[in-house]
Amino acid sequence: MRRINISHLTEYVFPVSVSLLPHRLLLRPRENHNVRIESSLLDISPAHVLQWKRDVLDNSVTLVTFSEPSDQLRIASNVVIEHYEENPFDFLVDEYAVMHPFDYAEAERVELAPFQQSVYIPDRPAVQQWLDRLGLRQPMQTFTLLDRMNREIAGNFSYQIREEPGVQSPALTLSSRSGSCRDFAALFIEACRSLGLASRFVSGYLFAPATELGNAATHAWAEAYLPGAGWKGFDSTSGEVTGNKHIAVAVARHPEAVPPVAGSFMAAADQQPVLNVAVQVNAMEA
């Protein structure tokens, strides 16, 4: 078991006071049989009202409504989790799905159908040509296919930190051979869906030695649904199958649907706030 402390600070500083409209936060990790939240603290200013809910994919969502104008918005989250997943390869795929291609069992098709639908339809030809060049559209073991695709992105594309909002299209990632973690995840997801495999986007955090020094950021990866094993994570930035270094916060069908902090404001004139984000992920004594 690994105990991990996650500190995530988001600050907006405005030139003058503004009216803050409701904000939507996705900062609380997803709990399951491998992940338990030991403690969670959310400190927000200015004055506000919180409402917690679960969305359709069981993400923990915080809705924040503000009650006074302010020239600063501060959102500080501190969470301690216990992560029990020691071996990410400890799973078995149902016999009918060991080899790709296959059809999902009838009982699961309705639930999985949205995660098989492309969200980058104009990019599909470029993605299919890429899969053809890699030889990944021919029959092979399903996990081998996913692992090869994951490692191909990590090993042959250049990682870059992009400050621009949103997610780069898979076609642009393929043509530039570069992107951020969320761009790589979007390409992996689109490739999975092109192959008939259900996949989804994951937003969260990564524990690594550099993150303990305060150099962390939110992270993104993809999950593919393997019958018998469930949703398995693939990090195309590192080429790894996700384990207890990866802390999932939110999942979505569309890669742009789960930013950690989302909201807006009203002001008398165009205002450009100064944004500061600080993330730190530390191991703690078990």
Foldseek 3Di string as FASTA:
>chain_A
DWKKKKKKKKKWAWPDWFFFAKKKFQADFDDDPFKDWPDKDKDKDDDWDWDWDADPVRFIMIIIGHDDIDRMIMIIMITMMGGHFDDLPPFDFPPQQQKPDHDDDPVCCVVQVLLLDDPQVVCLVVLVVVCVVVVLLDMDGPVVSLLVLLQCLQPFAAEDDDPDDDEDALNVCVVNSYYHQLNSQSSSSSNCSSRVWGKKKFKAWFDDVVLQVFPTDIGIWMWTQGHRGGTWTGRSNNSDTDTRRTTTRDIDSDSNPHDRMDTDIDDPDDIDIDMDMIMHMDIDDD
